[in-house]
Amino acid sequence: MPRIIKYILYDILRTRFILFYTLFLLLSAVGMYQLDSDTSKVVLSMMNIVLIVVPLVSIVFTTIHFYNSYEFIELMLAQPVNRTVVFLSQYLSVALSLLLAYTVGIGLPMVFYGTEASGLTLILSGAMLTLVFVSLAFLSAVLTRDKAKAIGVALLFWFYFSLIFDAFVLWILYSFSDYPLEKVTVALIALNPVDLARILMILQLDVSALMGYTGAFFKDFFGGGMGFAFATGVLLLWVAVPLGLAMRVFKRKDL
């Protein structure tokens, strides 16, 4: 498996897209630091970019890469190579390339200009979102042989978690505003990795007061080590569950 990963990773890193993705994040971070010397405000501004761009790039790039690698996958499966090895090699190669681009693009400016704990949380949140949406991309890709349909499903995942889900939560909070919904809201946020990463970032930046009473509850729950462990564990589940489902479909699929 290491040889397969090395070959795929080398092939991905040579693509211009990874270079453009790295440069986009790098220039965005440097630009934010140039506009404001307050690291907290810079991280808050970068958070908005990370929560939208990172999931979108991860899920679209992964889906396209999977279909562009279809002939290579078929070639590998024609050899005495286990399907699990081929699948995990593809996943790890794509995930590592996107994580490398993200870490370099976001991390280098933070090392140069200096950062706080919120900056490290931003890097961790973006890395977890990368892994989550790569898993979702593989799931959408193995469900159908049609490339256009798979990209449509992938974009639907991103659109739902980034935009539609928030409207759904707001509707619930508005409709049942007479009831205590703090714990229900925590459960709902656990169903959305993007919202979970956003809450962690906001609490690290100590601007939870902007979220009112619910924000204070989030601060009590997520602010401690137990809350951080809970959030990280849920994000890891968001990585593992779609990946496990995708692997199961891939192992049974007739290519």
Foldseek 3Di string as FASTA:
>chain_A
DVVLLVVLLVVVLPDVVLVVLLVVLQVLLVVLCVVDVPQLVSLVVVLVVLLQPLLLCLQLVLLVVCLVCVVVLVVVVVDPDALVVSLVSSLVSSLVSSLVSLCNSLVPVCVVSPHDVLSVLSSVLSSLSSLLSSLVNLLLNLVDNDSVSSSVSSVVVSCCLRPVLVVVLVVVCVVPVVDDCLVVVVVSCLVHSSSLSVLLSCLVSVVLVVVPPSSVVSCVQLVDPNNVVVSVVSSVCSNPVSNVNSSVSSNPDDD
